[in-house]
Amino acid sequence: MAFDANGTHVLQKVLLCMKEEDIDFIFEPVLENFIDLSMDQNGLCVIKKIVSKVEGHDKRIRIGKILSENVVVLV
C-alpha cells in the first residue's frame, strides 16, 4: 500500500488522525520494509510521516538502528 500513490495518501491521513500508540499496525510493517520503502518515492513519504509522528524512545531507537545499519545502502 505504501508503494502506491493512493495508498500512500491513505496511510498519511491515517497517521495524521491517529495517536502514536494506535499506529503499530502501520509502524511494524514499515520497519520490516524500511529499506525498500526508503528507495521508493511514495514509500519515503510514509516513512517521513512516521518519523515525524513517533515520539516514543523505543520506536526512535528502532528507526535509528535501521538507519545506522543501512547507512551505506541509503546514501
Protein backbone atom coordinates (compact mmCIF):
# COMPACT_ATOMS: atom_id res chain seq x y z
CA MET A 1 0.00 0.00 0.00
CA ALA A 2 2.87 2.38 0.76
CA PHE A 3 4.32 1.92 -2.73
CA ASP A 4 1.14 3.20 -4.38
CA ALA A 5 0.38 6.93 -4.62
CA ASN A 6 -3.23 6.45 -3.49
CA GLY A 7 -2.25 4.04 -0.74
CA THR A 8 0.38 6.45 0.49
CA HIS A 9 -2.22 9.19 0.66
CA VAL A 10 -4.49 6.97 2.78
CA LEU A 11 -1.65 5.95 5.10
CA GLN A 12 -0.60 9.56 5.59
CA LYS A 13 -4.17 10.54 6.52
CA VAL A 14 -4.42 7.64 8.96
CA LEU A 15 -1.11 8.68 10.55
CA LEU A 16 -2.34 12.25 10.81
CA CYS A 17 -5.58 11.28 12.55
CA MET A 18 -4.37 8.59 14.94
CA LYS A 19 -2.37 8.72 18.16
CA GLU A 20 1.12 7.27 18.21
CA GLU A 21 0.11 4.32 20.35
CA ASP A 22 -2.52 3.34 17.77
CA ILE A 23 -0.28 3.22 14.68
CA ASP A 24 1.61 -0.02 15.38
CA PHE A 25 -0.32 -1.76 12.59
CA ILE A 26 1.44 0.66 10.21
CA PHE A 27 4.72 1.13 12.11
CA GLU A 28 5.74 -2.54 12.23
CA PRO A 29 5.33 -3.31 8.50
CA VAL A 30 7.09 -0.05 7.62
CA LEU A 31 10.08 -1.04 9.76
CA GLU A 32 10.13 -4.50 8.19
CA ASN A 33 10.26 -2.93 4.71
CA PHE A 34 12.16 0.21 5.64
CA ILE A 35 14.94 -0.02 3.04
CA ASP A 36 12.65 -0.84 0.13
CA LEU A 37 10.23 1.90 1.16
CA SER A 38 13.01 4.45 1.53
CA MET A 39 14.08 3.79 -2.07
CA ASP A 40 10.55 4.48 -3.35
CA GLN A 41 9.13 8.00 -3.70
CA ASN A 42 5.75 7.05 -2.20
CA GLY A 43 7.24 4.83 0.47
CA LEU A 44 9.59 7.58 1.55
CA CYS A 45 6.61 9.88 2.16
CA VAL A 46 5.16 7.32 4.56
CA ILE A 47 8.50 6.95 6.34
CA LYS A 48 8.75 10.73 6.75
CA LYS A 49 5.27 10.89 8.28
CA ILE A 50 6.04 8.07 10.69
CA VAL A 51 9.34 9.62 11.75
CA SER A 52 7.62 12.94 12.42
CA LYS A 53 4.78 11.21 14.31
CA VAL A 54 6.86 8.94 16.55
CA GLU A 55 7.86 10.40 19.88
CA GLY A 56 8.40 7.21 21.88
CA HIS A 57 12.02 6.47 22.78
CA ASP A 58 11.85 2.77 21.84
CA LYS A 59 10.44 3.45 18.39
CA ARG A 60 13.01 6.17 17.71
CA ILE A 61 15.79 3.79 18.77
CA ARG A 62 14.49 1.13 16.37
CA ILE A 63 14.38 3.62 13.49
CA GLY A 64 17.88 4.85 14.34
CA LYS A 65 19.20 1.30 14.42
CA ILE A 66 17.83 0.56 10.95
CA LEU A 67 19.31 3.81 9.63
CA SER A 68 22.74 3.19 11.16
CA GLU A 69 22.89 -0.42 9.94
CA ASN A 70 21.98 0.59 6.38
CA VAL A 71 23.66 3.97 6.01
CA VAL A 72 25.79 2.88 3.03
CA VAL A 73 22.79 1.48 1.16
CA LEU A 74 20.71 4.58 1.86
CA VAL A 75 23.36 7.05 0.70
